[in-house]
Amino acid sequence: MRTLIRKPCRRVDFFDQVWKVTVQSVSTTGMAGFFVGAIMTVQFALQMKEFGALGFLGGLATSATVREVGPLLIAFMLSGKVGAFTSAELGTMRVTEQIDAIRCLGADPLQEMILPRFLGIVVSSFFLLTLGLIMSIFGGMIMGAAFAGVNFEEYLRHIPTIVTLPSVLNGIVKCFVFALVLATICTYKGFTATGGAKGVGQAVVKTAVSTMVCIVIFDWLTSFLSDITVRVVLGAQ
């Protein structure tokens, strides 16, 4: 944080990282989001068909996807792709003494190598998670029409009434929190890797495991705080 305030990274390095992470992951994230929405729609359709409530399929499936399932599953995918790649890249630089060489040249490794990657991952991961949630709606629409016979108009009709503003804000906040968690863990594990090639491999494994565990914890924490905030606001009104 001190480096971020006192020694901001160069814009070209920041945008280079944003572009690199986004281009590498946009297709995978979009596909993952699409199928997450499709899966949720199928599961809800199987239950709602028994009660003749397929008209509410779009609203309920979208609400569950945006609020809980979508951000969580897409963040897991990004932790395995973006997180593992970044920790391996930084870990290789550490064990091959490239980071020490930068320090010997009088430059700050945190400013030159860590900060651009950290900020780039936060921004691009937030964008990718949001894109994944949007794609999940399209996946749900298509699967609702193909699997449950719910046309697009009927699928979208109840989304504004069931998907409340707090649910949307909760999903957006989770996207940002998960992006921070991913960026923090992968840059730290890669920067502190030791022990040659074996150490790099261990850093990648630790990144994947730690990120997934922390994402689950912060998912619960964000949901808990979000519910408390909504109750306080509604109570004040």
C-alpha atoms as a PDB file:
ATOM      1  CA  MET A   1       0.000   0.000   0.000  1.00  0.00           C
ATOM      2  CA  ARG A   2       2.872   2.361   0.806  1.00  0.00           C
ATOM      3  CA  THR A   3       4.404   1.650  -2.605  1.00  0.00           C
ATOM      4  CA  LEU A   4       1.051   2.292  -4.276  1.00  0.00           C
ATOM      5  CA  ILE A   5       0.792   5.747  -2.686  1.00  0.00           C
ATOM      6  CA  ARG A   6       4.402   6.922  -2.807  1.00  0.00           C
ATOM      7  CA  LYS A   7       5.652   5.193  -5.954  1.00  0.00           C
ATOM      8  CA  PRO A   8       2.828   4.535  -8.401  1.00  0.00           C
ATOM      9  CA  CYS A   9       3.667   2.258 -11.296  1.00  0.00           C
ATOM     10  CA  ARG A  10       4.012   3.452 -14.850  1.00  0.00           C
ATOM     11  CA  ARG A  11       0.780   3.573 -16.782  1.00  0.00           C
ATOM     12  CA  VAL A  12       2.194   1.607 -19.692  1.00  0.00           C
ATOM     13  CA  ASP A  13       3.096  -1.290 -17.373  1.00  0.00           C
ATOM     14  CA  PHE A  14      -0.327  -1.204 -15.764  1.00  0.00           C
ATOM     15  CA  PHE A  15      -2.248  -1.229 -19.042  1.00  0.00           C
ATOM     16  CA  ASP A  16       0.061  -3.925 -20.396  1.00  0.00           C
ATOM     17  CA  GLN A  17      -0.891  -6.192 -17.495  1.00  0.00           C
ATOM     18  CA  VAL A  18      -4.587  -5.399 -17.861  1.00  0.00           C
ATOM     19  CA  TRP A  19      -4.450  -6.211 -21.568  1.00  0.00           C
ATOM     20  CA  LYS A  20      -2.444  -9.389 -21.034  1.00  0.00           C
ATOM     21  CA  VAL A  21      -4.702 -10.815 -18.329  1.00  0.00           C
ATOM     22  CA  THR A  22      -7.918  -9.819 -20.102  1.00  0.00           C
ATOM     23  CA  VAL A  23      -6.945 -11.235 -23.487  1.00  0.00           C
ATOM     24  CA  GLN A  24      -5.713 -14.486 -21.954  1.00  0.00           C
ATOM     25  CA  SER A  25      -8.879 -15.071 -19.950  1.00  0.00           C
ATOM     26  CA  VAL A  26     -11.818 -13.338 -21.624  1.00  0.00           C
ATOM     27  CA  SER A  27     -12.908 -16.315 -23.738  1.00  0.00           C
ATOM     28  CA  THR A  28     -12.553 -18.784 -20.871  1.00  0.00           C
ATOM     29  CA  THR A  29     -14.400 -16.510 -18.466  1.00  0.00           C
ATOM     30  CA  GLY A  30     -17.213 -15.839 -20.909  1.00  0.00           C
ATOM     31  CA  MET A  31     -17.657 -19.546 -21.568  1.00  0.00           C
ATOM     32  CA  ALA A  32     -17.570 -20.375 -17.860  1.00  0.00           C
ATOM     33  CA  GLY A  33     -20.165 -17.721 -17.087  1.00  0.00           C
ATOM     34  CA  PHE A  34     -22.393 -18.927 -19.919  1.00  0.00           C
ATOM     35  CA  PHE A  35     -22.447 -22.505 -18.650  1.00  0.00           C
ATOM     36  CA  VAL A  36     -22.848 -21.468 -15.014  1.00  0.00           C
ATOM     37  CA  GLY A  37     -26.048 -19.685 -15.995  1.00  0.00           C
ATOM     38  CA  ALA A  38     -27.154 -22.660 -18.082  1.00  0.00           C
ATOM     39  CA  ILE A  39     -26.554 -25.106 -15.232  1.00  0.00           C
ATOM     40  CA  MET A  40     -28.440 -22.975 -12.723  1.00  0.00           C
ATOM     41  CA  THR A  41     -31.374 -22.667 -15.117  1.00  0.00           C
ATOM     42  CA  VAL A  42     -31.571 -26.430 -15.605  1.00  0.00           C
ATOM     43  CA  GLN A  43     -31.505 -27.072 -11.859  1.00  0.00           C
ATOM     44  CA  PHE A  44     -34.208 -24.501 -11.135  1.00  0.00           C
ATOM     45  CA  ALA A  45     -36.333 -25.676 -14.070  1.00  0.00           C
ATOM     46  CA  LEU A  46     -36.396 -29.258 -12.787  1.00  0.00           C
ATOM     47  CA  GLN A  47     -37.812 -28.094  -9.458  1.00  0.00           C
ATOM     48  CA  MET A  48     -40.131 -25.336 -10.668  1.00  0.00           C
ATOM     49  CA  LYS A  49     -41.724 -27.435 -13.394  1.00  0.00           C
ATOM     50  CA  GLU A  50     -43.357 -29.602 -10.729  1.00  0.00           C
ATOM     51  CA  PHE A  51     -45.131 -26.556  -9.286  1.00  0.00           C
ATOM     52  CA  GLY A  52     -46.041 -24.935 -12.597  1.00  0.00           C
ATOM     53  CA  ALA A  53     -43.879 -21.907 -11.842  1.00  0.00           C
ATOM     54  CA  LEU A  54     -41.626 -21.841 -14.892  1.00  0.00           C
ATOM     55  CA  GLY A  55     -42.630 -18.230 -15.500  1.00  0.00           C
ATOM     56  CA  PHE A  56     -40.409 -17.249 -12.574  1.00  0.00           C
ATOM     57  CA  LEU A  57     -37.466 -19.283 -13.856  1.00  0.00           C
ATOM     58  CA  GLY A  58     -35.497 -16.329 -15.220  1.00  0.00           C
ATOM     59  CA  GLY A  59     -35.768 -14.233 -12.086  1.00  0.00           C
ATOM     60  CA  LEU A  60     -34.861 -16.967  -9.609  1.00  0.00           C
ATOM     61  CA  ALA A  61     -32.014 -18.456 -11.658  1.00  0.00           C
ATOM     62  CA  THR A  62     -30.525 -15.031 -12.362  1.00  0.00           C
ATOM     63  CA  SER A  63     -30.805 -13.963  -8.721  1.00  0.00           C
ATOM     64  CA  ALA A  64     -28.980 -17.059  -7.468  1.00  0.00           C
ATOM     65  CA  THR A  65     -26.328 -16.795 -10.160  1.00  0.00           C
ATOM     66  CA  VAL A  66     -25.587 -13.093  -9.720  1.00  0.00           C
ATOM     67  CA  ARG A  67     -25.639 -13.149  -5.930  1.00  0.00           C
ATOM     68  CA  GLU A  68     -23.810 -16.374  -5.060  1.00  0.00           C
ATOM     69  CA  VAL A  69     -22.928 -19.072  -7.556  1.00  0.00           C
ATOM     70  CA  GLY A  70     -21.654 -16.991 -10.473  1.00  0.00           C
ATOM     71  CA  PRO A  71     -18.962 -14.923  -8.726  1.00  0.00           C
ATOM     72  CA  LEU A  72     -17.771 -17.931  -6.724  1.00  0.00           C
ATOM     73  CA  LEU A  73     -17.343 -20.411  -9.582  1.00  0.00           C
ATOM     74  CA  ILE A  74     -15.879 -17.879 -12.007  1.00  0.00           C
ATOM     75  CA  ALA A  75     -13.424 -16.709  -9.333  1.00  0.00           C
ATOM     76  CA  PHE A  76     -12.318 -20.328  -8.864  1.00  0.00           C
ATOM     77  CA  MET A  77     -11.628 -20.544 -12.589  1.00  0.00           C
ATOM     78  CA  LEU A  78      -9.639 -17.297 -12.576  1.00  0.00           C
ATOM     79  CA  SER A  79      -7.607 -18.425  -9.570  1.00  0.00           C
ATOM     80  CA  GLY A  80      -6.470 -21.465 -11.512  1.00  0.00           C
ATOM     81  CA  LYS A  81      -5.690 -19.531 -14.687  1.00  0.00           C
ATOM     82  CA  VAL A  82      -4.600 -15.998 -13.771  1.00  0.00           C
ATOM     83  CA  GLY A  83      -3.377 -16.739 -10.253  1.00  0.00           C
ATOM     84  CA  ALA A  84      -1.286 -19.758 -11.169  1.00  0.00           C
ATOM     85  CA  PHE A  85       0.249 -18.008 -14.182  1.00  0.00           C
ATOM     86  CA  THR A  86       1.204 -14.895 -12.203  1.00  0.00           C
ATOM     87  CA  SER A  87       2.700 -16.784  -9.269  1.00  0.00           C
ATOM     88  CA  ALA A  88       4.696 -18.990 -11.642  1.00  0.00           C
ATOM     89  CA  GLU A  89       5.950 -15.961 -13.573  1.00  0.00           C
ATOM     90  CA  LEU A  90       7.029 -14.055 -10.456  1.00  0.00           C
ATOM     91  CA  GLY A  91       8.391 -17.198  -8.831  1.00  0.00           C
ATOM     92  CA  THR A  92      10.595 -17.882 -11.837  1.00  0.00           C
ATOM     93  CA  MET A  93      11.882 -14.315 -11.715  1.00  0.00           C
ATOM     94  CA  ARG A  94      12.650 -14.759  -8.028  1.00  0.00           C
ATOM     95  CA  VAL A  95      14.559 -18.052  -8.257  1.00  0.00           C
ATOM     96  CA  THR A  96      16.514 -16.907 -11.340  1.00  0.00           C
ATOM     97  CA  GLU A  97      17.542 -13.759  -9.418  1.00  0.00           C
ATOM     98  CA  GLN A  98      15.894 -11.338 -11.841  1.00  0.00           C
ATOM     99  CA  ILE A  99      14.261  -9.557  -8.910  1.00  0.00           C
ATOM    100  CA  ASP A 100      17.632  -9.216  -7.176  1.00  0.00           C
ATOM    101  CA  ALA A 101      19.097  -7.819 -10.391  1.00  0.00           C
ATOM    102  CA  ILE A 102      16.407  -5.138 -10.532  1.00  0.00           C
ATOM    103  CA  ARG A 103      17.182  -4.184  -6.944  1.00  0.00           C
ATOM    104  CA  CYS A 104      20.913  -3.980  -7.741  1.00  0.00           C
ATOM    105  CA  LEU A 105      20.133  -1.533 -10.544  1.00  0.00           C
ATOM    106  CA  GLY A 106      18.583   0.792  -7.979  1.00  0.00           C
ATOM    107  CA  ALA A 107      14.970   0.123  -8.951  1.00  0.00           C
ATOM    108  CA  ASP A 108      12.210  -0.990  -6.600  1.00  0.00           C
ATOM    109  CA  PRO A 109      10.977  -4.515  -7.502  1.00  0.00           C
ATOM    110  CA  LEU A 110       7.628  -3.776  -5.883  1.00  0.00           C
ATOM    111  CA  GLN A 111       7.122  -0.772  -8.129  1.00  0.00           C
ATOM    112  CA  GLU A 112       8.488  -2.365 -11.289  1.00  0.00           C
ATOM    113  CA  MET A 113       7.113  -5.906 -11.046  1.00  0.00           C
ATOM    114  CA  ILE A 114       4.560  -6.372  -8.291  1.00  0.00           C
ATOM    115  CA  LEU A 115       2.448  -3.216  -8.384  1.00  0.00           C
ATOM    116  CA  PRO A 116       1.622  -3.309 -12.136  1.00  0.00           C
ATOM    117  CA  ARG A 117       0.611  -6.954 -11.862  1.00  0.00           C
ATOM    118  CA  PHE A 118      -1.393  -6.409  -8.689  1.00  0.00           C
ATOM    119  CA  LEU A 119      -3.389  -3.482 -10.069  1.00  0.00           C
ATOM    120  CA  GLY A 120      -3.729  -5.102 -13.482  1.00  0.00           C
ATOM    121  CA  ILE A 121      -5.117  -8.307 -11.989  1.00  0.00           C
ATOM    122  CA  VAL A 122      -7.555  -6.411  -9.763  1.00  0.00           C
ATOM    123  CA  VAL A 123      -8.962  -4.347 -12.634  1.00  0.00           C
ATOM    124  CA  SER A 124      -9.035  -7.116 -15.231  1.00  0.00           C
ATOM    125  CA  SER A 125     -10.394  -9.753 -12.822  1.00  0.00           C
ATOM    126  CA  PHE A 126     -13.202  -7.419 -11.766  1.00  0.00           C
ATOM    127  CA  PHE A 127     -14.042  -6.832 -15.430  1.00  0.00           C
ATOM    128  CA  LEU A 128     -13.856 -10.550 -16.221  1.00  0.00           C
ATOM    129  CA  LEU A 129     -16.047 -11.525 -13.280  1.00  0.00           C
ATOM    130  CA  THR A 130     -18.641  -8.935 -14.283  1.00  0.00           C
ATOM    131  CA  LEU A 131     -18.503 -10.175 -17.874  1.00  0.00           C
ATOM    132  CA  GLY A 132     -18.991 -13.727 -16.622  1.00  0.00           C
ATOM    133  CA  LEU A 133     -22.136 -12.706 -14.744  1.00  0.00           C
ATOM    134  CA  ILE A 134     -23.546 -11.027 -17.854  1.00  0.00           C
ATOM    135  CA  MET A 135     -22.794 -14.123 -19.928  1.00  0.00           C
ATOM    136  CA  SER A 136     -24.513 -16.267 -17.296  1.00  0.00           C
ATOM    137  CA  ILE A 137     -27.770 -14.438 -18.032  1.00  0.00           C
ATOM    138  CA  PHE A 138     -27.458 -15.260 -21.735  1.00  0.00           C
ATOM    139  CA  GLY A 139     -26.631 -18.870 -20.887  1.00  0.00           C
ATOM    140  CA  GLY A 140     -29.716 -19.074 -18.705  1.00  0.00           C
ATOM    141  CA  MET A 141     -31.917 -17.552 -21.411  1.00  0.00           C
ATOM    142  CA  ILE A 142     -30.780 -20.013 -24.058  1.00  0.00           C
ATOM    143  CA  MET A 143     -31.020 -23.031 -21.772  1.00  0.00           C
ATOM    144  CA  GLY A 144     -34.417 -21.884 -20.502  1.00  0.00           C
ATOM    145  CA  ALA A 145     -35.724 -21.820 -24.071  1.00  0.00           C
ATOM    146  CA  ALA A 146     -34.077 -25.091 -25.109  1.00  0.00           C
ATOM    147  CA  PHE A 147     -34.656 -27.130 -21.952  1.00  0.00           C
ATOM    148  CA  ALA A 148     -37.781 -25.705 -20.326  1.00  0.00           C
ATOM    149  CA  GLY A 149     -39.553 -24.091 -23.283  1.00  0.00           C
ATOM    150  CA  VAL A 150     -39.462 -20.630 -21.691  1.00  0.00           C
ATOM    151  CA  ASN A 151     -39.111 -17.954 -24.365  1.00  0.00           C
ATOM    152  CA  PHE A 152     -36.730 -15.043 -23.944  1.00  0.00           C
ATOM    153  CA  GLU A 153     -39.450 -12.505 -23.156  1.00  0.00           C
ATOM    154  CA  GLU A 154     -40.944 -14.652 -20.411  1.00  0.00           C
ATOM    155  CA  TYR A 155     -37.493 -15.441 -19.021  1.00  0.00           C
ATOM    156  CA  LEU A 156     -36.579 -11.758 -18.744  1.00  0.00           C
ATOM    157  CA  ARG A 157     -39.973 -10.569 -17.505  1.00  0.00           C
ATOM    158  CA  HIS A 158     -39.499 -11.360 -13.806  1.00  0.00           C
ATOM    159  CA  ILE A 159     -35.796 -10.546 -13.538  1.00  0.00           C
ATOM    160  CA  PRO A 160     -36.367  -6.866 -12.564  1.00  0.00           C
ATOM    161  CA  THR A 161     -38.833  -7.860  -9.825  1.00  0.00           C
ATOM    162  CA  ILE A 162     -36.884 -10.773  -8.311  1.00  0.00           C
ATOM    163  CA  VAL A 163     -33.306  -9.614  -8.852  1.00  0.00           C
ATOM    164  CA  THR A 164     -33.209  -6.731  -6.391  1.00  0.00           C
ATOM    165  CA  LEU A 165     -30.662  -3.921  -6.271  1.00  0.00           C
ATOM    166  CA  PRO A 166     -29.027  -5.330  -3.098  1.00  0.00           C
ATOM    167  CA  SER A 167     -28.513  -8.650  -4.899  1.00  0.00           C
ATOM    168  CA  VAL A 168     -26.832  -6.949  -7.849  1.00  0.00           C
ATOM    169  CA  LEU A 169     -24.651  -4.808  -5.575  1.00  0.00           C
ATOM    170  CA  ASN A 170     -23.742  -7.891  -3.561  1.00  0.00           C
ATOM    171  CA  GLY A 171     -22.578  -9.650  -6.712  1.00  0.00           C
ATOM    172  CA  ILE A 172     -20.551  -6.628  -7.845  1.00  0.00           C
ATOM    173  CA  VAL A 173     -18.922  -6.236  -4.428  1.00  0.00           C
ATOM    174  CA  LYS A 174     -18.006  -9.913  -4.433  1.00  0.00           C
ATOM    175  CA  CYS A 175     -16.392  -9.531  -7.849  1.00  0.00           C
ATOM    176  CA  PHE A 176     -14.213  -6.720  -6.513  1.00  0.00           C
ATOM    177  CA  VAL A 177     -13.349  -8.540  -3.270  1.00  0.00           C
ATOM    178  CA  PHE A 178     -12.458 -11.755  -5.092  1.00  0.00           C
ATOM    179  CA  ALA A 179     -10.268  -9.780  -7.498  1.00  0.00           C
ATOM    180  CA  LEU A 180      -8.392  -8.246  -4.544  1.00  0.00           C
ATOM    181  CA  VAL A 181      -7.948 -11.645  -2.904  1.00  0.00           C
ATOM    182  CA  LEU A 182      -6.665 -13.216  -6.118  1.00  0.00           C
ATOM    183  CA  ALA A 183      -4.222 -10.394  -6.869  1.00  0.00           C
ATOM    184  CA  THR A 184      -2.871 -10.278  -3.313  1.00  0.00           C
ATOM    185  CA  ILE A 185      -2.238 -13.997  -2.932  1.00  0.00           C
ATOM    186  CA  CYS A 186      -0.756 -14.737  -6.358  1.00  0.00           C
ATOM    187  CA  THR A 187       1.663 -11.788  -6.303  1.00  0.00           C
ATOM    188  CA  TYR A 188       2.750 -12.515  -2.726  1.00  0.00           C
ATOM    189  CA  LYS A 189       3.281 -16.248  -3.249  1.00  0.00           C
ATOM    190  CA  GLY A 190       5.204 -15.668  -6.464  1.00  0.00           C
ATOM    191  CA  PHE A 191       7.351 -12.871  -5.037  1.00  0.00           C
ATOM    192  CA  THR A 192       8.334 -14.930  -1.972  1.00  0.00           C
ATOM    193  CA  ALA A 193       9.029 -18.207  -3.811  1.00  0.00           C
ATOM    194  CA  THR A 194      12.317 -19.953  -2.955  1.00  0.00           C
ATOM    195  CA  GLY A 195      14.037 -23.231  -3.720  1.00  0.00           C
ATOM    196  CA  GLY A 196      14.466 -23.302  -7.487  1.00  0.00           C
ATOM    197  CA  ALA A 197      12.039 -25.032  -9.833  1.00  0.00           C
ATOM    198  CA  LYS A 198      10.536 -27.040  -6.976  1.00  0.00           C
ATOM    199  CA  GLY A 199       9.842 -23.836  -5.076  1.00  0.00           C
ATOM    200  CA  VAL A 200       8.056 -22.343  -8.073  1.00  0.00           C
ATOM    201  CA  GLY A 201       5.828 -25.395  -8.297  1.00  0.00           C
ATOM    202  CA  GLN A 202       5.054 -25.182  -4.598  1.00  0.00           C
ATOM    203  CA  ALA A 203       4.230 -21.484  -4.952  1.00  0.00           C
ATOM    204  CA  VAL A 204       1.741 -22.261  -7.718  1.00  0.00           C
ATOM    205  CA  VAL A 205       0.062 -24.982  -5.647  1.00  0.00           C
ATOM    206  CA  LYS A 206      -0.093 -22.748  -2.578  1.00  0.00           C
ATOM    207  CA  THR A 207      -1.562 -19.959  -4.687  1.00  0.00           C
ATOM    208  CA  ALA A 208      -4.355 -22.154  -6.020  1.00  0.00           C
ATOM    209  CA  VAL A 209      -5.234 -23.653  -2.635  1.00  0.00           C
ATOM    210  CA  SER A 210      -4.958 -20.431  -0.632  1.00  0.00           C
ATOM    211  CA  THR A 211      -6.961 -18.443  -3.168  1.00  0.00           C
ATOM    212  CA  MET A 212      -9.855 -20.897  -3.246  1.00  0.00           C
ATOM    213  CA  VAL A 213     -10.014 -21.152   0.544  1.00  0.00           C
ATOM    214  CA  CYS A 214      -9.894 -17.369   0.975  1.00  0.00           C
ATOM    215  CA  ILE A 215     -12.509 -16.846  -1.735  1.00  0.00           C
ATOM    216  CA  VAL A 216     -14.929 -19.152   0.091  1.00  0.00           C
ATOM    217  CA  ILE A 217     -14.272 -17.347   3.390  1.00  0.00           C
ATOM    218  CA  PHE A 218     -14.707 -13.899   1.871  1.00  0.00           C
ATOM    219  CA  ASP A 219     -17.807 -15.093   0.016  1.00  0.00           C
ATOM    220  CA  TRP A 220     -19.424 -15.938   3.351  1.00  0.00           C
ATOM    221  CA  LEU A 221     -18.167 -12.738   4.965  1.00  0.00           C
ATOM    222  CA  THR A 222     -19.426 -10.549   2.127  1.00  0.00           C
ATOM    223  CA  SER A 223     -22.855 -12.212   2.157  1.00  0.00           C
ATOM    224  CA  PHE A 224     -23.070 -11.852   5.934  1.00  0.00           C
ATOM    225  CA  LEU A 225     -22.144  -8.168   5.913  1.00  0.00           C
ATOM    226  CA  SER A 226     -24.409  -7.524   2.936  1.00  0.00           C
ATOM    227  CA  ASP A 227     -27.428  -9.005   4.716  1.00  0.00           C
ATOM    228  CA  ILE A 228     -26.698  -6.957   7.841  1.00  0.00           C
ATOM    229  CA  THR A 229     -26.348  -3.780   5.777  1.00  0.00           C
ATOM    230  CA  VAL A 230     -29.639  -4.370   3.962  1.00  0.00           C
ATOM    231  CA  ARG A 231     -31.467  -4.981   7.245  1.00  0.00           C
ATOM    232  CA  VAL A 232     -30.019  -1.831   8.794  1.00  0.00           C
ATOM    233  CA  VAL A 233     -30.934   0.283   5.762  1.00  0.00           C
ATOM    234  CA  LEU A 234     -34.461  -1.122   5.539  1.00  0.00           C
ATOM    235  CA  GLY A 235     -34.895  -0.715   9.279  1.00  0.00           C
ATOM    236  CA  ALA A 236     -33.816   2.914   9.080  1.00  0.00           C
ATOM    237  CA  GLN A 237     -36.401   3.562   6.396  1.00  0.00           C
END
